[in-house]
Amino acid sequence: MIAQEVYDQYFNALLKGDRVRCTQMVQTLLDQGIDIQVLYRQLFEKSLYQIGEMWEQNLISVAREHLVTAITENLLNLVYPFLFSQRKLERKVIISCAANEHHQIGGKMVADIFEMNGWDSYFLGANTPTDQMISFIGEIKPDLVGLSLSIYFNVPSLQQGIEAITREYPELDIIVGGQAFRWGEISFLKKYSQVQYMKSIEDLENQLKKE
């Protein structure tokens, strides 16, 4: 567990754009042997959601939000050597952001969580064109596809992606998640029988433990 005092110090440094201090704090936690899932949930996910809320309330600028996101994405590279599980399930997942979605950090974290749980993950990044994603699914033949959405305005692009996948691969399971769903309605997902909504990294971890 990350102490509130540590989180507050990290968040203040992050908000100020103090990349060096943030890096030092994350490296210290890694050196102390922190559970990576805890680091993702209680530091990265929590701080990004808090920043998102501040942006929604016009308390910070778009430039500040982009700065925080860039710093966090760089910090994820510190975790890379710790990602790969000794437990291999021989299962594959493709994680992609919806078309027109330019915020990729949530999807990257989800791909990392799969790797930590023994999956081979393929992260396609931001704004992946739907036709290219469909083509890649045919090439990789994954067991699961995950779609990330950070801006609720892009829901139509997410729906187009879901419909394209279900049309081409009607038996393929899909998970969706992202900060966008904290602000908008998710009932439209119910019409897709093979789509499951993941509210948080913790929900995803709990689901993967059942595998």
N, C-alpha and C. Protein backbone atom coordinates (compact mmCIF):
# COMPACT_ATOMS: atom_id res chain seq x y z
N MET A 1 0.85 -1.20 0.00
CA MET A 1 0.00 0.00 0.00
C MET A 1 0.88 1.25 0.00
N ILE A 2 0.49 2.24 -0.76
CA ILE A 2 1.23 3.50 -0.82
C ILE A 2 0.60 4.47 0.17
N ALA A 3 1.41 4.95 1.10
CA ALA A 3 0.92 5.87 2.13
C ALA A 3 0.41 7.16 1.49
N GLN A 4 -0.61 7.74 2.11
CA GLN A 4 -1.20 8.97 1.58
C GLN A 4 -0.16 10.08 1.47
N GLU A 5 0.75 10.15 2.44
CA GLU A 5 1.79 11.17 2.41
C GLU A 5 2.70 11.02 1.19
N VAL A 6 3.03 9.77 0.86
CA VAL A 6 3.86 9.52 -0.32
C VAL A 6 3.11 9.90 -1.58
N TYR A 7 1.82 9.50 -1.63
CA TYR A 7 1.01 9.86 -2.81
C TYR A 7 0.93 11.38 -2.96
N ASP A 8 0.68 12.08 -1.88
CA ASP A 8 0.54 13.55 -1.95
C ASP A 8 1.83 14.20 -2.46
N GLN A 9 2.97 13.72 -1.97
CA GLN A 9 4.25 14.26 -2.42
C GLN A 9 4.45 14.00 -3.91
N TYR A 10 4.11 12.80 -4.33
CA TYR A 10 4.23 12.45 -5.75
C TYR A 10 3.30 13.32 -6.59
N PHE A 11 2.05 13.43 -6.15
CA PHE A 11 1.07 14.17 -6.95
C PHE A 11 1.47 15.64 -7.07
N ASN A 12 1.94 16.24 -6.00
CA ASN A 12 2.37 17.64 -6.06
C ASN A 12 3.54 17.83 -7.02
N ALA A 13 4.48 16.88 -6.99
CA ALA A 13 5.61 16.95 -7.93
C ALA A 13 5.14 16.77 -9.36
N LEU A 14 4.19 15.86 -9.54
CA LEU A 14 3.64 15.60 -10.88
C LEU A 14 2.93 16.83 -11.41
N LEU A 15 2.12 17.44 -10.58
CA LEU A 15 1.36 18.61 -11.00
C LEU A 15 2.29 19.78 -11.35
N LYS A 16 3.41 19.86 -10.66
CA LYS A 16 4.38 20.92 -10.94
C LYS A 16 5.23 20.62 -12.18
N GLY A 17 5.13 19.40 -12.68
CA GLY A 17 5.96 19.01 -13.81
C GLY A 17 7.37 18.66 -13.43
N ASP A 18 7.57 18.26 -12.16
CA ASP A 18 8.91 17.93 -11.66
C ASP A 18 9.23 16.47 -12.01
N ARG A 19 9.72 16.28 -13.22
CA ARG A 19 10.00 14.94 -13.73
C ARG A 19 11.06 14.22 -12.89
N VAL A 20 12.08 14.95 -12.46
CA VAL A 20 13.17 14.34 -11.69
C VAL A 20 12.66 13.79 -10.37
N ARG A 21 11.89 14.60 -9.65
CA ARG A 21 11.36 14.16 -8.35
C ARG A 21 10.43 12.96 -8.52
N CYS A 22 9.57 12.99 -9.50
CA CYS A 22 8.66 11.87 -9.75
C CYS A 22 9.45 10.60 -10.05
N THR A 23 10.47 10.73 -10.87
CA THR A 23 11.30 9.57 -11.22
C THR A 23 11.98 9.01 -9.99
N GLN A 24 12.53 9.88 -9.16
CA GLN A 24 13.19 9.43 -7.94
C GLN A 24 12.23 8.67 -7.03
N MET A 25 11.00 9.17 -6.90
CA MET A 25 10.04 8.53 -6.01
C MET A 25 9.61 7.17 -6.53
N VAL A 26 9.36 7.07 -7.82
CA VAL A 26 8.95 5.78 -8.39
C VAL A 26 10.10 4.78 -8.31
N GLN A 27 11.32 5.23 -8.59
CA GLN A 27 12.46 4.32 -8.52
C GLN A 27 12.67 3.82 -7.09
N THR A 28 12.48 4.70 -6.12
CA THR A 28 12.60 4.28 -4.72
C THR A 28 11.57 3.21 -4.38
N LEU A 29 10.34 3.39 -4.82
CA LEU A 29 9.30 2.39 -4.57
C LEU A 29 9.64 1.06 -5.23
N LEU A 30 10.17 1.10 -6.44
CA LEU A 30 10.58 -0.12 -7.12
C LEU A 30 11.72 -0.81 -6.39
N ASP A 31 12.68 -0.02 -5.94
CA ASP A 31 13.82 -0.58 -5.20
C ASP A 31 13.38 -1.21 -3.89
N GLN A 32 12.30 -0.70 -3.33
CA GLN A 32 11.77 -1.25 -2.08
C GLN A 32 10.92 -2.49 -2.32
N GLY A 33 10.74 -2.86 -3.58
CA GLY A 33 10.01 -4.08 -3.90
C GLY A 33 8.50 -3.94 -3.91
N ILE A 34 8.00 -2.75 -4.21
CA ILE A 34 6.56 -2.55 -4.24
C ILE A 34 5.91 -3.47 -5.28
N ASP A 35 4.74 -3.97 -4.96
CA ASP A 35 3.97 -4.75 -5.92
C ASP A 35 3.60 -3.85 -7.09
N ILE A 36 3.87 -4.30 -8.30
CA ILE A 36 3.67 -3.44 -9.48
C ILE A 36 2.21 -3.07 -9.65
N GLN A 37 1.32 -4.02 -9.38
CA GLN A 37 -0.10 -3.70 -9.50
C GLN A 37 -0.51 -2.60 -8.54
N VAL A 38 0.07 -2.60 -7.33
CA VAL A 38 -0.21 -1.54 -6.37
C VAL A 38 0.31 -0.20 -6.90
N LEU A 39 1.50 -0.21 -7.46
CA LEU A 39 2.06 1.01 -8.04
C LEU A 39 1.14 1.57 -9.13
N TYR A 40 0.65 0.69 -9.97
CA TYR A 40 -0.23 1.14 -11.05
C TYR A 40 -1.55 1.68 -10.51
N ARG A 41 -2.15 0.96 -9.56
CA ARG A 41 -3.46 1.36 -9.04
C ARG A 41 -3.38 2.61 -8.17
N GLN A 42 -2.46 2.59 -7.21
CA GLN A 42 -2.47 3.58 -6.15
C GLN A 42 -1.62 4.81 -6.44
N LEU A 43 -0.83 4.76 -7.50
CA LEU A 43 -0.04 5.93 -7.86
C LEU A 43 -0.40 6.43 -9.25
N PHE A 44 -0.21 5.60 -10.26
CA PHE A 44 -0.43 6.06 -11.63
C PHE A 44 -1.92 6.27 -11.94
N GLU A 45 -2.72 5.23 -11.73
CA GLU A 45 -4.14 5.35 -12.07
C GLU A 45 -4.81 6.44 -11.22
N LYS A 46 -4.54 6.42 -9.92
CA LYS A 46 -5.16 7.38 -9.01
C LYS A 46 -4.81 8.82 -9.38
N SER A 47 -3.54 9.07 -9.67
CA SER A 47 -3.12 10.43 -10.00
C SER A 47 -3.67 10.88 -11.34
N LEU A 48 -3.72 9.98 -12.31
CA LEU A 48 -4.26 10.36 -13.62
C LEU A 48 -5.75 10.65 -13.53
N TYR A 49 -6.48 9.88 -12.73
CA TYR A 49 -7.90 10.18 -12.56
C TYR A 49 -8.10 11.52 -11.86
N GLN A 50 -7.25 11.82 -10.88
CA GLN A 50 -7.36 13.09 -10.19
C GLN A 50 -7.05 14.25 -11.14
N ILE A 51 -6.04 14.08 -11.97
CA ILE A 51 -5.72 15.10 -12.97
C ILE A 51 -6.87 15.26 -13.95
N GLY A 52 -7.46 14.15 -14.36
CA GLY A 52 -8.60 14.22 -15.27
C GLY A 52 -9.76 14.99 -14.68
N GLU A 53 -10.02 14.77 -13.40
CA GLU A 53 -11.09 15.50 -12.73
C GLU A 53 -10.79 17.00 -12.67
N MET A 54 -9.53 17.33 -12.42
CA MET A 54 -9.16 18.75 -12.38
C MET A 54 -9.32 19.39 -13.75
N TRP A 55 -8.98 18.64 -14.79
CA TRP A 55 -9.13 19.17 -16.14
C TRP A 55 -10.61 19.36 -16.49
N GLU A 56 -11.45 18.39 -16.11
CA GLU A 56 -12.88 18.49 -16.37
C GLU A 56 -13.48 19.71 -15.68
N GLN A 57 -12.93 20.06 -14.52
CA GLN A 57 -13.44 21.20 -13.75
C GLN A 57 -12.74 22.52 -14.11
N ASN A 58 -11.92 22.48 -15.16
CA ASN A 58 -11.19 23.66 -15.63
C ASN A 58 -10.25 24.23 -14.57
N LEU A 59 -9.71 23.35 -13.72
CA LEU A 59 -8.76 23.76 -12.70
C LEU A 59 -7.33 23.75 -13.21
N ILE A 60 -7.10 23.02 -14.30
CA ILE A 60 -5.78 23.00 -14.94
C ILE A 60 -5.98 23.12 -16.44
N SER A 61 -4.94 23.51 -17.13
CA SER A 61 -5.01 23.69 -18.57
C SER A 61 -4.77 22.37 -19.30
N VAL A 62 -5.10 22.36 -20.58
CA VAL A 62 -4.80 21.21 -21.42
C VAL A 62 -3.29 20.96 -21.45
N ALA A 63 -2.52 22.04 -21.49
CA ALA A 63 -1.06 21.91 -21.52
C ALA A 63 -0.56 21.20 -20.26
N ARG A 64 -1.11 21.54 -19.10
CA ARG A 64 -0.71 20.90 -17.86
C ARG A 64 -1.11 19.42 -17.85
N GLU A 65 -2.28 19.15 -18.35
CA GLU A 65 -2.74 17.75 -18.42
C GLU A 65 -1.83 16.94 -19.33
N HIS A 66 -1.43 17.52 -20.45
CA HIS A 66 -0.54 16.82 -21.37
C HIS A 66 0.84 16.60 -20.74
N LEU A 67 1.31 17.58 -19.99
CA LEU A 67 2.60 17.45 -19.31
C LEU A 67 2.58 16.29 -18.32
N VAL A 68 1.53 16.22 -17.52
CA VAL A 68 1.39 15.15 -16.53
C VAL A 68 1.34 13.78 -17.22
N THR A 69 0.59 13.71 -18.29
CA THR A 69 0.48 12.45 -19.03
C THR A 69 1.82 12.02 -19.59
N ALA A 70 2.57 12.97 -20.15
CA ALA A 70 3.88 12.65 -20.72
C ALA A 70 4.85 12.15 -19.65
N ILE A 71 4.84 12.80 -18.49
CA ILE A 71 5.71 12.36 -17.40
C ILE A 71 5.34 10.95 -16.95
N THR A 72 4.06 10.70 -16.78
CA THR A 72 3.61 9.38 -16.33
C THR A 72 3.97 8.30 -17.34
N GLU A 73 3.81 8.60 -18.60
CA GLU A 73 4.15 7.62 -19.62
C GLU A 73 5.64 7.28 -19.58
N ASN A 74 6.48 8.27 -19.33
CA ASN A 74 7.91 8.00 -19.19
C ASN A 74 8.21 7.16 -17.95
N LEU A 75 7.46 7.40 -16.88
CA LEU A 75 7.67 6.63 -15.65
C LEU A 75 7.34 5.16 -15.85
N LEU A 76 6.40 4.86 -16.73
CA LEU A 76 6.06 3.47 -17.01
C LEU A 76 7.27 2.69 -17.53
N ASN A 77 8.18 3.39 -18.18
CA ASN A 77 9.38 2.72 -18.70
C ASN A 77 10.26 2.18 -17.57
N LEU A 78 10.19 2.81 -16.40
CA LEU A 78 10.96 2.32 -15.26
C LEU A 78 10.47 0.93 -14.82
N VAL A 79 9.21 0.67 -15.08
CA VAL A 79 8.59 -0.58 -14.62
C VAL A 79 8.88 -1.74 -15.58
N TYR A 80 9.26 -1.41 -16.79
CA TYR A 80 9.37 -2.41 -17.85
C TYR A 80 10.15 -3.66 -17.44
N PRO A 81 11.31 -3.53 -16.76
CA PRO A 81 12.06 -4.74 -16.40
C PRO A 81 11.32 -5.66 -15.43
N PHE A 82 10.27 -5.15 -14.78
CA PHE A 82 9.55 -5.92 -13.77
C PHE A 82 8.26 -6.55 -14.30
N LEU A 83 7.98 -6.34 -15.57
CA LEU A 83 6.66 -6.68 -16.10
C LEU A 83 6.41 -8.16 -16.31
N PHE A 84 7.40 -8.86 -16.78
CA PHE A 84 7.12 -10.14 -17.39
C PHE A 84 7.02 -11.26 -16.37
N SER A 85 5.89 -11.92 -16.39
CA SER A 85 5.60 -12.98 -15.43
C SER A 85 6.29 -14.28 -15.83
N GLN A 86 6.67 -15.05 -14.82
CA GLN A 86 7.21 -16.39 -15.08
C GLN A 86 6.10 -17.33 -15.51
N ARG A 87 4.89 -16.96 -15.18
CA ARG A 87 3.71 -17.79 -15.50
C ARG A 87 3.22 -17.41 -16.89
N LYS A 88 3.34 -18.33 -17.83
CA LYS A 88 2.90 -18.06 -19.20
C LYS A 88 1.64 -18.86 -19.50
N LEU A 89 0.63 -18.17 -19.91
CA LEU A 89 -0.67 -18.80 -20.17
C LEU A 89 -0.85 -19.17 -21.64
N GLU A 90 0.07 -18.70 -22.48
CA GLU A 90 -0.07 -18.88 -23.92
C GLU A 90 -1.42 -18.35 -24.41
N ARG A 91 -1.73 -17.16 -23.90
CA ARG A 91 -2.93 -16.44 -24.33
C ARG A 91 -2.49 -15.06 -24.82
N LYS A 92 -3.21 -14.54 -25.80
CA LYS A 92 -2.83 -13.29 -26.44
C LYS A 92 -3.96 -12.28 -26.35
N VAL A 93 -3.57 -11.03 -26.14
CA VAL A 93 -4.54 -9.94 -26.10
C VAL A 93 -4.01 -8.78 -26.92
N ILE A 94 -4.91 -8.15 -27.66
CA ILE A 94 -4.60 -6.91 -28.37
C ILE A 94 -5.29 -5.77 -27.63
N ILE A 95 -4.51 -4.75 -27.27
CA ILE A 95 -5.05 -3.56 -26.61
C ILE A 95 -4.89 -2.38 -27.55
N SER A 96 -5.98 -1.66 -27.77
CA SER A 96 -5.93 -0.53 -28.69
C SER A 96 -6.79 0.61 -28.16
N CYS A 97 -6.39 1.82 -28.48
CA CYS A 97 -7.27 2.96 -28.25
C CYS A 97 -8.26 3.04 -29.41
N ALA A 98 -9.43 3.55 -29.12
CA ALA A 98 -10.41 3.74 -30.18
C ALA A 98 -9.87 4.72 -31.22
N ALA A 99 -10.38 4.61 -32.44
CA ALA A 99 -10.02 5.58 -33.47
C ALA A 99 -10.38 6.98 -32.97
N ASN A 100 -9.53 7.95 -33.26
CA ASN A 100 -9.68 9.35 -32.85
C ASN A 100 -9.40 9.58 -31.37
N GLU A 101 -8.99 8.53 -30.66
CA GLU A 101 -8.63 8.66 -29.25
C GLU A 101 -7.11 8.82 -29.15
N HIS A 102 -6.67 9.96 -28.64
CA HIS A 102 -5.24 10.27 -28.63
C HIS A 102 -4.59 10.09 -27.26
N HIS A 103 -5.35 9.65 -26.27
CA HIS A 103 -4.81 9.40 -24.94
C HIS A 103 -4.55 7.90 -24.81
N GLN A 104 -3.29 7.52 -24.78
CA GLN A 104 -2.97 6.10 -24.84
C GLN A 104 -2.46 5.49 -23.54
N ILE A 105 -2.23 6.31 -22.53
CA ILE A 105 -1.54 5.81 -21.35
C ILE A 105 -2.36 4.76 -20.59
N GLY A 106 -3.69 4.93 -20.56
CA GLY A 106 -4.52 3.93 -19.90
C GLY A 106 -4.43 2.58 -20.59
N GLY A 107 -4.46 2.59 -21.90
CA GLY A 107 -4.33 1.35 -22.66
C GLY A 107 -2.98 0.70 -22.45
N LYS A 108 -1.93 1.52 -22.37
CA LYS A 108 -0.58 0.98 -22.12
C LYS A 108 -0.52 0.29 -20.76
N MET A 109 -1.13 0.88 -19.76
CA MET A 109 -1.13 0.27 -18.43
C MET A 109 -1.89 -1.05 -18.43
N VAL A 110 -2.98 -1.10 -19.15
CA VAL A 110 -3.75 -2.35 -19.24
C VAL A 110 -2.93 -3.43 -19.93
N ALA A 111 -2.24 -3.08 -21.01
CA ALA A 111 -1.38 -4.05 -21.69
C ALA A 111 -0.32 -4.58 -20.74
N ASP A 112 0.24 -3.70 -19.91
CA ASP A 112 1.25 -4.12 -18.94
C ASP A 112 0.67 -5.09 -17.92
N ILE A 113 -0.55 -4.82 -17.46
CA ILE A 113 -1.19 -5.71 -16.49
C ILE A 113 -1.35 -7.11 -17.06
N PHE A 114 -1.72 -7.19 -18.32
CA PHE A 114 -1.82 -8.51 -18.95
C PHE A 114 -0.48 -9.21 -18.97
N GLU A 115 0.58 -8.49 -19.32
CA GLU A 115 1.92 -9.09 -19.33
C GLU A 115 2.29 -9.63 -17.95
N MET A 116 1.97 -8.87 -16.92
CA MET A 116 2.28 -9.30 -15.56
C MET A 116 1.52 -10.56 -15.17
N ASN A 117 0.43 -10.81 -15.86
CA ASN A 117 -0.40 -11.97 -15.56
C ASN A 117 -0.20 -13.11 -16.56
N GLY A 118 0.91 -13.07 -17.30
CA GLY A 118 1.28 -14.20 -18.13
C GLY A 118 0.76 -14.19 -19.55
N TRP A 119 0.09 -13.13 -19.96
CA TRP A 119 -0.41 -13.02 -21.33
C TRP A 119 0.66 -12.39 -22.23
N ASP A 120 0.57 -12.65 -23.52
CA ASP A 120 1.32 -11.90 -24.52
C ASP A 120 0.42 -10.75 -24.98
N SER A 121 0.84 -9.52 -24.71
CA SER A 121 0.00 -8.38 -25.06
C SER A 121 0.60 -7.61 -26.23
N TYR A 122 -0.28 -7.12 -27.07
CA TYR A 122 0.09 -6.32 -28.24
C TYR A 122 -0.63 -4.98 -28.12
N PHE A 123 0.15 -3.94 -27.82
CA PHE A 123 -0.43 -2.63 -27.62
C PHE A 123 -0.30 -1.79 -28.87
N LEU A 124 -1.42 -1.37 -29.44
CA LEU A 124 -1.41 -0.67 -30.73
C LEU A 124 -1.34 0.84 -30.58
N GLY A 125 -1.53 1.37 -29.38
CA GLY A 125 -1.35 2.80 -29.16
C GLY A 125 -2.58 3.63 -29.51
N ALA A 126 -2.34 4.93 -29.62
CA ALA A 126 -3.42 5.90 -29.80
C ALA A 126 -3.91 5.95 -31.24
N ASN A 127 -5.20 6.27 -31.37
CA ASN A 127 -5.81 6.59 -32.67
C ASN A 127 -5.50 5.53 -33.73
N THR A 128 -5.74 4.28 -33.37
CA THR A 128 -5.52 3.19 -34.34
C THR A 128 -6.71 3.11 -35.29
N PRO A 129 -6.51 3.25 -36.60
CA PRO A 129 -7.63 3.14 -37.53
C PRO A 129 -8.30 1.77 -37.41
N THR A 130 -9.62 1.78 -37.46
CA THR A 130 -10.38 0.54 -37.23
C THR A 130 -10.02 -0.54 -38.23
N ASP A 131 -9.85 -0.19 -39.49
CA ASP A 131 -9.55 -1.22 -40.49
C ASP A 131 -8.19 -1.86 -40.23
N GLN A 132 -7.24 -1.05 -39.73
CA GLN A 132 -5.92 -1.60 -39.43
C GLN A 132 -5.97 -2.50 -38.20
N MET A 133 -6.79 -2.14 -37.22
CA MET A 133 -6.96 -2.99 -36.06
C MET A 133 -7.57 -4.33 -36.44
N ILE A 134 -8.58 -4.29 -37.29
CA ILE A 134 -9.23 -5.52 -37.75
C ILE A 134 -8.23 -6.41 -38.48
N SER A 135 -7.41 -5.81 -39.32
CA SER A 135 -6.40 -6.57 -40.04
C SER A 135 -5.41 -7.21 -39.08
N PHE A 136 -5.02 -6.47 -38.04
CA PHE A 136 -4.05 -7.00 -37.08
C PHE A 136 -4.66 -8.13 -36.26
N ILE A 137 -5.93 -8.02 -35.94
CA ILE A 137 -6.61 -9.11 -35.23
C ILE A 137 -6.54 -10.39 -36.06
N GLY A 138 -6.76 -10.27 -37.37
CA GLY A 138 -6.67 -11.44 -38.24
C GLY A 138 -5.29 -12.04 -38.28
N GLU A 139 -4.28 -11.19 -38.14
CA GLU A 139 -2.89 -11.67 -38.16
C GLU A 139 -2.50 -12.35 -36.85
N ILE A 140 -2.85 -11.74 -35.72
CA ILE A 140 -2.41 -12.22 -34.42
C ILE A 140 -3.31 -13.33 -33.88
N LYS A 141 -4.61 -13.24 -34.19
CA LYS A 141 -5.61 -14.18 -33.68
C LYS A 141 -5.60 -14.23 -32.15
N PRO A 142 -5.94 -13.10 -31.53
CA PRO A 142 -5.89 -13.02 -30.06
C PRO A 142 -7.06 -13.75 -29.41
N ASP A 143 -6.92 -14.00 -28.12
CA ASP A 143 -8.01 -14.56 -27.33
C ASP A 143 -8.96 -13.47 -26.85
N LEU A 144 -8.48 -12.23 -26.88
CA LEU A 144 -9.24 -11.12 -26.32
C LEU A 144 -8.76 -9.82 -26.95
N VAL A 145 -9.67 -8.86 -27.08
CA VAL A 145 -9.32 -7.51 -27.54
C VAL A 145 -9.78 -6.51 -26.49
N GLY A 146 -8.93 -5.55 -26.16
CA GLY A 146 -9.30 -4.49 -25.23
C GLY A 146 -9.28 -3.14 -25.93
N LEU A 147 -10.32 -2.34 -25.68
CA LEU A 147 -10.42 -1.01 -26.28
C LEU A 147 -10.47 0.04 -25.17
N SER A 148 -9.63 1.06 -25.30
CA SER A 148 -9.52 2.10 -24.28
C SER A 148 -10.12 3.41 -24.80
N LEU A 149 -10.83 4.09 -23.89
CA LEU A 149 -11.46 5.37 -24.25
C LEU A 149 -11.28 6.35 -23.09
N SER A 150 -10.68 7.49 -23.37
CA SER A 150 -10.45 8.50 -22.33
C SER A 150 -11.39 9.69 -22.45
N ILE A 151 -11.83 10.00 -23.66
CA ILE A 151 -12.71 11.16 -23.89
C ILE A 151 -14.08 10.66 -24.33
N TYR A 152 -15.12 10.99 -23.56
CA TYR A 152 -16.45 10.45 -23.84
C TYR A 152 -16.98 10.91 -25.20
N PHE A 153 -16.50 12.02 -25.66
CA PHE A 153 -16.91 12.53 -26.97
C PHE A 153 -16.60 11.51 -28.08
N ASN A 154 -15.64 10.62 -27.84
CA ASN A 154 -15.23 9.65 -28.85
C ASN A 154 -16.00 8.34 -28.79
N VAL A 155 -17.09 8.29 -28.03
CA VAL A 155 -17.89 7.07 -27.95
C VAL A 155 -18.31 6.54 -29.32
N PRO A 156 -18.74 7.40 -30.27
CA PRO A 156 -19.10 6.86 -31.60
C PRO A 156 -17.96 6.07 -32.25
N SER A 157 -16.73 6.53 -32.08
CA SER A 157 -15.59 5.79 -32.64
C SER A 157 -15.42 4.44 -31.94
N LEU A 158 -15.64 4.43 -30.62
CA LEU A 158 -15.58 3.17 -29.89
C LEU A 158 -16.64 2.20 -30.38
N GLN A 159 -17.85 2.69 -30.57
CA GLN A 159 -18.93 1.83 -31.05
C GLN A 159 -18.62 1.29 -32.45
N GLN A 160 -18.08 2.13 -33.30
CA GLN A 160 -17.71 1.66 -34.64
C GLN A 160 -16.67 0.56 -34.56
N GLY A 161 -15.71 0.72 -33.62
CA GLY A 161 -14.70 -0.32 -33.45
C GLY A 161 -15.30 -1.62 -32.96
N ILE A 162 -16.17 -1.54 -31.96
CA ILE A 162 -16.83 -2.74 -31.43
C ILE A 162 -17.63 -3.44 -32.52
N GLU A 163 -18.39 -2.67 -33.28
CA GLU A 163 -19.23 -3.26 -34.32
C GLU A 163 -18.40 -3.89 -35.43
N ALA A 164 -17.27 -3.27 -35.76
CA ALA A 164 -16.40 -3.84 -36.78
C ALA A 164 -15.81 -5.17 -36.30
N ILE A 165 -15.40 -5.22 -35.03
CA ILE A 165 -14.83 -6.46 -34.49
C ILE A 165 -15.89 -7.55 -34.43
N THR A 166 -17.06 -7.22 -33.93
CA THR A 166 -18.10 -8.25 -33.78
C THR A 166 -18.60 -8.73 -35.14
N ARG A 167 -18.53 -7.87 -36.13
CA ARG A 167 -18.96 -8.27 -37.47
C ARG A 167 -17.97 -9.26 -38.08
N GLU A 168 -16.68 -8.99 -37.91
CA GLU A 168 -15.65 -9.85 -38.49
C GLU A 168 -15.34 -11.06 -37.62
N TYR A 169 -15.43 -10.88 -36.30
CA TYR A 169 -15.06 -11.95 -35.36
C TYR A 169 -16.13 -12.07 -34.28
N PRO A 170 -17.28 -12.62 -34.63
CA PRO A 170 -18.43 -12.62 -33.70
C PRO A 170 -18.21 -13.41 -32.42
N GLU A 171 -17.21 -14.28 -32.37
CA GLU A 171 -16.96 -15.08 -31.16
C GLU A 171 -15.86 -14.47 -30.29
N LEU A 172 -15.26 -13.38 -30.71
CA LEU A 172 -14.13 -12.81 -30.00
C LEU A 172 -14.60 -11.93 -28.85
N ASP A 173 -14.10 -12.20 -27.65
CA ASP A 173 -14.46 -11.40 -26.49
C ASP A 173 -13.73 -10.05 -26.51
N ILE A 174 -14.41 -9.03 -25.98
CA ILE A 174 -13.89 -7.67 -25.97
C ILE A 174 -14.06 -7.09 -24.57
N ILE A 175 -13.04 -6.40 -24.10
CA ILE A 175 -13.19 -5.60 -22.88
C ILE A 175 -13.01 -4.13 -23.24
N VAL A 176 -13.71 -3.27 -22.54
CA VAL A 176 -13.57 -1.83 -22.76
C VAL A 176 -13.40 -1.15 -21.40
N GLY A 177 -12.72 -0.03 -21.40
CA GLY A 177 -12.55 0.73 -20.18
C GLY A 177 -11.88 2.05 -20.48
N GLY A 178 -11.68 2.83 -19.43
CA GLY A 178 -11.03 4.12 -19.59
C GLY A 178 -11.75 5.20 -18.82
N GLN A 179 -11.08 6.32 -18.69
CA GLN A 179 -11.61 7.40 -17.87
C GLN A 179 -12.89 8.00 -18.43
N ALA A 180 -13.12 7.84 -19.72
CA ALA A 180 -14.33 8.40 -20.32
C ALA A 180 -15.59 7.90 -19.63
N PHE A 181 -15.56 6.66 -19.16
CA PHE A 181 -16.76 6.06 -18.59
C PHE A 181 -17.05 6.56 -17.18
N ARG A 182 -16.14 7.34 -16.62
CA ARG A 182 -16.42 7.98 -15.32
C ARG A 182 -17.36 9.17 -15.49
N TRP A 183 -17.51 9.63 -16.74
CA TRP A 183 -18.28 10.85 -16.97
C TRP A 183 -19.55 10.62 -17.77
N GLY A 184 -19.69 9.43 -18.36
CA GLY A 184 -20.83 9.23 -19.24
C GLY A 184 -21.51 7.89 -19.06
N GLU A 185 -22.60 7.71 -19.75
CA GLU A 185 -23.44 6.53 -19.68
C GLU A 185 -22.77 5.34 -20.35
N ILE A 186 -22.91 4.15 -19.77
CA ILE A 186 -22.32 2.95 -20.36
C ILE A 186 -23.38 1.94 -20.79
N SER A 187 -24.64 2.28 -20.67
CA SER A 187 -25.70 1.31 -20.96
C SER A 187 -25.67 0.85 -22.42
N PHE A 188 -25.11 1.67 -23.31
CA PHE A 188 -25.07 1.27 -24.72
C PHE A 188 -24.24 0.01 -24.93
N LEU A 189 -23.37 -0.31 -23.98
CA LEU A 189 -22.54 -1.52 -24.12
C LEU A 189 -23.35 -2.80 -23.96
N LYS A 190 -24.51 -2.71 -23.34
CA LYS A 190 -25.30 -3.91 -23.04
C LYS A 190 -25.79 -4.62 -24.29
N LYS A 191 -25.85 -3.91 -25.39
CA LYS A 191 -26.35 -4.55 -26.62
C LYS A 191 -25.30 -5.44 -27.29
N TYR A 192 -24.08 -5.38 -26.76
CA TYR A 192 -23.01 -6.22 -27.31
C TYR A 192 -22.75 -7.37 -26.33
N SER A 193 -23.16 -8.56 -26.69
CA SER A 193 -23.14 -9.68 -25.74
C SER A 193 -21.73 -10.10 -25.34
N GLN A 194 -20.74 -9.89 -26.21
CA GLN A 194 -19.39 -10.34 -25.89
C GLN A 194 -18.50 -9.23 -25.35
N VAL A 195 -19.10 -8.06 -25.02
CA VAL A 195 -18.33 -6.93 -24.50
C VAL A 195 -18.49 -6.84 -22.99
N GLN A 196 -17.37 -6.70 -22.29
CA GLN A 196 -17.37 -6.55 -20.84
C GLN A 196 -16.68 -5.25 -20.47
N TYR A 197 -17.31 -4.49 -19.59
CA TYR A 197 -16.75 -3.22 -19.12
C TYR A 197 -15.87 -3.45 -17.90
N MET A 198 -14.65 -2.92 -17.93
CA MET A 198 -13.74 -2.99 -16.79
C MET A 198 -13.64 -1.59 -16.19
N LYS A 199 -14.13 -1.44 -14.96
CA LYS A 199 -14.19 -0.14 -14.32
C LYS A 199 -12.81 0.38 -13.93
N SER A 200 -11.90 -0.53 -13.59
CA SER A 200 -10.60 -0.11 -13.08
C SER A 200 -9.57 -1.19 -13.31
N ILE A 201 -8.31 -0.86 -13.05
CA ILE A 201 -7.24 -1.85 -13.11
C ILE A 201 -7.50 -2.97 -12.11
N GLU A 202 -8.03 -2.61 -10.95
CA GLU A 202 -8.31 -3.62 -9.93
C GLU A 202 -9.35 -4.63 -10.42
N ASP A 203 -10.39 -4.14 -11.10
CA ASP A 203 -11.39 -5.04 -11.67
C ASP A 203 -10.75 -5.98 -12.68
N LEU A 204 -9.87 -5.44 -13.50
CA LEU A 204 -9.18 -6.26 -14.50
C LEU A 204 -8.33 -7.34 -13.82
N GLU A 205 -7.59 -6.95 -12.81
CA GLU A 205 -6.75 -7.91 -12.10
C GLU A 205 -7.58 -9.03 -11.49
N ASN A 206 -8.71 -8.67 -10.89
CA ASN A 206 -9.58 -9.69 -10.30
C ASN A 206 -10.10 -10.66 -11.34
N GLN A 207 -10.40 -10.12 -12.53
CA GLN A 207 -10.87 -10.98 -13.61
C GLN A 207 -9.76 -11.91 -14.10
N LEU A 208 -8.55 -11.39 -14.21
CA LEU A 208 -7.45 -12.20 -14.70
C LEU A 208 -7.05 -13.30 -13.72
N LYS A 209 -7.27 -13.06 -12.45
CA LYS A 209 -6.95 -14.09 -11.45
C LYS A 209 -7.84 -15.31 -11.59
N LYS A 210 -8.99 -15.13 -12.27
CA LYS A 210 -9.91 -16.25 -12.48
C LYS A 210 -9.48 -17.12 -13.67
N GLU A 211 -8.54 -16.59 -14.47
CA GLU A 211 -8.12 -17.31 -15.68
C GLU A 211 -7.37 -18.59 -15.32
